[in-house]
Structures are given as C-alpha cells and as structure tokens.
Amino acid sequence: MSLNEHNETADASIPSGAGARILVVTSVAAEQAAVLRGLAGKSDRFDVLVSGVGAAATAARTAAALALSPGRYGLVINAGIAGGFAGQAGLGAIVVASDIIAADLGADSPDGFISLDELGFGSARAEVDGPAAVCLTGALRAAGLPAISGPVLTVSTGTGTAEGAAELARRVPGAVAEAMEGYGAATAARHFELPVLEIRAVSNAVGPRDRSAWRIKEALDALEAASSIIAEVLS
C-alpha cells in the first residue's frame, strides 16, 4: 500500500518528505543491515547510514549527510532497536514516535530534575511529522505488526534500574520507549527544516539491566519487517 492509497482511508496528508529521497539513520551496523534487508527490492528512495551511538554522534553525522547533499532529502528517519516501558511497549513491538524527547537534558537540583524547557534554554521536545507517523502506525498494524505510537525518549545513559525507569515514566507520562539517538537526528533535521520520524523495535524492557532477557535478534527481525512496510508506505 502506498502512502497515497493509505491516506485515502486514513484521512492523513502526505508527509512533507514525499517525492524526495529519505535518509535513514541508525546507530550501529546491525540496525543498518536489518533496515536494508527490509527495504531490499521495495524502493530505491532510501539512503541508510550508521551514525554511531548517542545523540551527539547522530546529530553530527546526520547534519553532515544533509549538508553534503543539499536538497537531496525530504525526510529523516531515525531507526533502530530500543527499550520499551512496561505496560506500554512489549518485546518485539514496533514503536513510532509521536514526540521525541531528550529526557535527561537539563539540570539536577535538590528539588529534582529541571528540564531544558523549565530552564528557559530551548526545548527538549522535538516534533515529528505527525501525519506520516499516524499513517505509518496504521499501516504497520494493518500488516499484522504490533505497532504503537507514543513519546520516545532520548537518553545519554541507558536506564538500568527500576527506580530510573519509574522516574522517566513520571517525568514523561505515556512514554513508550527509550533510545539514545532520536533527539540528535531530530535536531539535525530541524536545522535543515526537514521533517523527522523515529521508528524503534523493542529489544528489552526499560529498567533493571538484565542482558539475559534481551531479545536483540528478535527486535532486529521486527525492525526488518517494519522497514519493508515503511518502504511501501513512504514510496
């Protein structure tokens, strides 16, 4: 199903990136490979790069790619695997960000965390291409994939305790997942006045660090499946 066809039933507008190439940014080679497998034979409109881990590396690499090819891209997608918040996104779920939030960008204080917004130094919240996010979530569900939309947090330190998970959930009600790159990709896209999406496959629960419970292969398989639908919807 193309985006135009899906829009006829979903009453969503074509994302502003339609008609141009799409830049997909992943943090590591395994994520890049999963996305490329999903895109294979579906569309030639996508370029998929590896940025490195973290918001700073992702912002720099994304901005460099956009600067080196002015006018080439109409949409930036940050894609990869992520941790899912309990009760929101289970293992293997596909998360489409409704907002991208730098959840630990701010200041500590005796009274608790102070966000960048509260400090008056800008916003830790980056908007996504809303109509495209809605359309894509619907298409993923129609394809039988367990897709959910909600705020995706960008953190500089992965959560490793139940207390940390609870604090983030309190700080951003309704948060569905955490990763480490989305806000960086969104910042670069915003600088070039381009829309952005973040799509994640859940490999583990946000909370106590337990590598034995991680399902990275399954999450990469889910990311591959989602990428196939992305190619159909955004082509």
Foldseek 3Di string as FASTA:
>chain_A
DAQVVLCVVVVFDFFQFFPAAEEEEEADPLLQVLLCLLCPPLDPRYDYDHQHFFLVSQLVVLLVVCVVPPPRTQEYEYEEAFAWAPPFADAFEKEKEQKEFAQQDADADPVGGDHCVNVVNDGRIFGARNRLSSSLQVLCVVVVGRYDYYYEYAYRDAAAAQVVSVVSCVSGPGHTTYGGHPSSNRVSCVVSPHGYIYMHGYQHHRHHDDVVSGRRVSRSNSSSNSSNSVSRHRD
